[in-house]
Amino acid sequence: MAKIRPTDIWNFGKHQGTPIQDLPRDYLKWVVKNFRPGPLRDAARRQLDSLQMKDRKSTRLNSSHIP
């Protein structure tokens, strides 16, 4: 089975039809906590990791501009 990409459409539950990259962070956390191991949970985990990496980069950029 091919790896699910962030641009793939979520096909489950209340966010069905939403690209994975646009799913709310709280929902991604819920998926990681409650889904069985598999491609959907893996995709949610990767998206959360990506969001956290963006948060860290943004924090570093913002703090580097503080006088």
N, C-alpha and C. Protein backbone atom coordinates (compact mmCIF):
# COMPACT_ATOMS: atom_id res chain seq x y z
N MET A 1 0.84 -1.18 0.00
CA MET A 1 0.00 0.00 0.00
C MET A 1 0.89 1.25 0.00
N ALA A 2 0.50 2.23 -0.79
CA ALA A 2 1.28 3.47 -0.90
C ALA A 2 1.11 4.32 0.36
N LYS A 3 2.15 5.06 0.67
CA LYS A 3 2.12 5.95 1.82
C LYS A 3 1.14 7.10 1.54
N ILE A 4 0.35 7.43 2.55
CA ILE A 4 -0.62 8.52 2.42
C ILE A 4 0.13 9.85 2.52
N ARG A 5 -0.16 10.77 1.60
CA ARG A 5 0.50 12.07 1.56
C ARG A 5 -0.36 13.14 2.22
N PRO A 6 0.24 14.26 2.64
CA PRO A 6 -0.53 15.35 3.27
C PRO A 6 -1.63 15.91 2.37
N THR A 7 -1.44 15.81 1.06
CA THR A 7 -2.44 16.34 0.14
C THR A 7 -3.57 15.35 -0.14
N ASP A 8 -3.42 14.12 0.32
CA ASP A 8 -4.48 13.13 0.15
C ASP A 8 -5.69 13.53 0.99
N ILE A 9 -6.86 13.10 0.53
CA ILE A 9 -8.12 13.46 1.18
C ILE A 9 -8.43 12.46 2.29
N TRP A 10 -8.78 12.99 3.46
CA TRP A 10 -9.19 12.17 4.60
C TRP A 10 -10.53 11.56 4.28
N ASN A 11 -10.67 10.26 4.44
CA ASN A 11 -11.89 9.57 4.02
C ASN A 11 -12.67 8.98 5.19
N PHE A 12 -12.58 9.63 6.34
CA PHE A 12 -13.18 9.04 7.54
C PHE A 12 -13.77 10.14 8.42
N GLY A 13 -14.93 9.87 9.00
CA GLY A 13 -15.50 10.68 10.07
C GLY A 13 -15.93 12.08 9.68
N LYS A 14 -15.95 12.94 10.69
CA LYS A 14 -16.52 14.28 10.51
C LYS A 14 -15.69 15.17 9.60
N HIS A 15 -14.44 14.83 9.37
CA HIS A 15 -13.58 15.62 8.49
C HIS A 15 -13.39 14.96 7.13
N GLN A 16 -14.27 14.02 6.81
CA GLN A 16 -14.21 13.33 5.52
C GLN A 16 -14.24 14.36 4.39
N GLY A 17 -13.34 14.19 3.42
CA GLY A 17 -13.28 15.11 2.29
C GLY A 17 -12.27 16.23 2.47
N THR A 18 -11.59 16.28 3.61
CA THR A 18 -10.61 17.32 3.92
C THR A 18 -9.20 16.79 3.64
N PRO A 19 -8.35 17.61 2.97
CA PRO A 19 -6.96 17.17 2.82
C PRO A 19 -6.31 16.98 4.20
N ILE A 20 -5.49 15.98 4.32
CA ILE A 20 -4.86 15.68 5.61
C ILE A 20 -4.11 16.89 6.15
N GLN A 21 -3.46 17.64 5.28
CA GLN A 21 -2.70 18.81 5.73
C GLN A 21 -3.59 19.90 6.31
N ASP A 22 -4.90 19.83 6.07
CA ASP A 22 -5.83 20.84 6.59
C ASP A 22 -6.64 20.37 7.79
N LEU A 23 -6.38 19.16 8.26
CA LEU A 23 -7.12 18.66 9.42
C LEU A 23 -6.71 19.43 10.68
N PRO A 24 -7.67 19.69 11.58
CA PRO A 24 -7.33 20.38 12.83
C PRO A 24 -6.35 19.57 13.67
N ARG A 25 -5.47 20.27 14.33
CA ARG A 25 -4.44 19.63 15.16
C ARG A 25 -5.07 18.72 16.24
N ASP A 26 -6.14 19.18 16.88
CA ASP A 26 -6.79 18.37 17.92
C ASP A 26 -7.32 17.05 17.34
N TYR A 27 -7.84 17.11 16.13
CA TYR A 27 -8.34 15.90 15.49
C TYR A 27 -7.19 14.95 15.16
N LEU A 28 -6.09 15.49 14.67
CA LEU A 28 -4.92 14.65 14.38
C LEU A 28 -4.43 13.95 15.66
N LYS A 29 -4.41 14.68 16.76
CA LYS A 29 -4.00 14.09 18.05
C LYS A 29 -4.96 12.98 18.44
N TRP A 30 -6.25 13.20 18.23
CA TRP A 30 -7.26 12.19 18.58
C TRP A 30 -7.04 10.94 17.73
N VAL A 31 -6.78 11.12 16.44
CA VAL A 31 -6.54 9.98 15.55
C VAL A 31 -5.35 9.18 16.03
N VAL A 32 -4.25 9.86 16.33
CA VAL A 32 -3.03 9.17 16.78
C VAL A 32 -3.30 8.38 18.07
N LYS A 33 -4.10 8.95 18.94
CA LYS A 33 -4.39 8.30 20.23
C LYS A 33 -5.38 7.14 20.10
N ASN A 34 -6.34 7.24 19.19
CA ASN A 34 -7.45 6.31 19.17
C ASN A 34 -7.48 5.31 18.01
N PHE A 35 -6.78 5.58 16.93
CA PHE A 35 -6.80 4.65 15.79
C PHE A 35 -5.82 3.51 16.03
N ARG A 36 -6.13 2.39 15.46
CA ARG A 36 -5.20 1.25 15.47
C ARG A 36 -4.02 1.59 14.57
N PRO A 37 -2.88 0.93 14.80
CA PRO A 37 -1.74 1.16 13.90
C PRO A 37 -2.13 0.89 12.45
N GLY A 38 -1.69 1.76 11.59
CA GLY A 38 -1.99 1.61 10.17
C GLY A 38 -1.74 2.90 9.42
N PRO A 39 -2.08 2.91 8.14
CA PRO A 39 -1.75 4.05 7.29
C PRO A 39 -2.41 5.37 7.72
N LEU A 40 -3.65 5.32 8.18
CA LEU A 40 -4.31 6.57 8.58
C LEU A 40 -3.66 7.17 9.83
N ARG A 41 -3.40 6.32 10.81
CA ARG A 41 -2.74 6.82 12.02
C ARG A 41 -1.32 7.31 11.71
N ASP A 42 -0.63 6.60 10.85
CA ASP A 42 0.71 7.03 10.45
C ASP A 42 0.68 8.39 9.76
N ALA A 43 -0.30 8.59 8.89
CA ALA A 43 -0.43 9.87 8.19
C ALA A 43 -0.72 11.00 9.17
N ALA A 44 -1.59 10.74 10.15
CA ALA A 44 -1.90 11.76 11.16
C ALA A 44 -0.65 12.09 11.98
N ARG A 45 0.12 11.08 12.34
CA ARG A 45 1.36 11.29 13.12
C ARG A 45 2.37 12.12 12.32
N ARG A 46 2.53 11.79 11.04
CA ARG A 46 3.46 12.57 10.21
C ARG A 46 3.01 14.02 10.08
N GLN A 47 1.71 14.23 9.94
CA GLN A 47 1.21 15.61 9.82
C GLN A 47 1.42 16.38 11.12
N LEU A 48 1.18 15.73 12.25
CA LEU A 48 1.45 16.39 13.54
C LEU A 48 2.94 16.72 13.67
N ASP A 49 3.80 15.80 13.29
CA ASP A 49 5.24 16.06 13.34
C ASP A 49 5.61 17.25 12.47
N SER A 50 5.00 17.33 11.29
CA SER A 50 5.27 18.43 10.38
C SER A 50 4.83 19.76 10.99
N LEU A 51 3.66 19.77 11.61
CA LEU A 51 3.16 20.99 12.25
C LEU A 51 4.07 21.41 13.41
N GLN A 52 4.53 20.45 14.18
CA GLN A 52 5.41 20.77 15.30
C GLN A 52 6.75 21.31 14.81
N MET A 53 7.26 20.78 13.71
CA MET A 53 8.51 21.29 13.16
C MET A 53 8.33 22.73 12.67
N LYS A 54 7.19 23.02 12.03
CA LYS A 54 6.90 24.38 11.59
C LYS A 54 6.80 25.32 12.78
N ASP A 55 6.18 24.85 13.86
CA ASP A 55 6.06 25.66 15.08
C ASP A 55 7.44 26.01 15.63
N ARG A 56 8.33 25.02 15.67
CA ARG A 56 9.69 25.25 16.20
C ARG A 56 10.45 26.24 15.33
N LYS A 57 10.33 26.10 14.01
CA LYS A 57 11.01 27.03 13.10
C LYS A 57 10.48 28.44 13.29
N SER A 58 9.17 28.56 13.41
CA SER A 58 8.55 29.87 13.58
C SER A 58 9.00 30.51 14.89
N THR A 59 9.08 29.72 15.95
CA THR A 59 9.51 30.22 17.25
C THR A 59 10.96 30.70 17.19
N ARG A 60 11.81 29.93 16.52
CA ARG A 60 13.22 30.34 16.38
C ARG A 60 13.34 31.62 15.57
N LEU A 61 12.59 31.73 14.49
CA LEU A 61 12.65 32.94 13.66
C LEU A 61 12.16 34.16 14.43
N ASN A 62 11.08 34.00 15.15
CA ASN A 62 10.52 35.12 15.90
C ASN A 62 11.43 35.53 17.04
N SER A 63 12.06 34.58 17.72
CA SER A 63 12.91 34.91 18.85
C SER A 63 14.24 35.52 18.38
N SER A 64 14.65 35.24 17.16
CA SER A 64 15.91 35.80 16.67
C SER A 64 15.79 37.27 16.33
N HIS A 65 14.58 37.78 16.25
CA HIS A 65 14.35 39.19 15.92
C HIS A 65 14.07 40.04 17.15
N ILE A 66 14.12 39.44 18.32
CA ILE A 66 13.88 40.19 19.56
C ILE A 66 15.16 40.94 19.92
N PRO A 67 15.06 42.27 20.10
CA PRO A 67 16.27 43.05 20.42
C PRO A 67 16.84 42.73 21.78
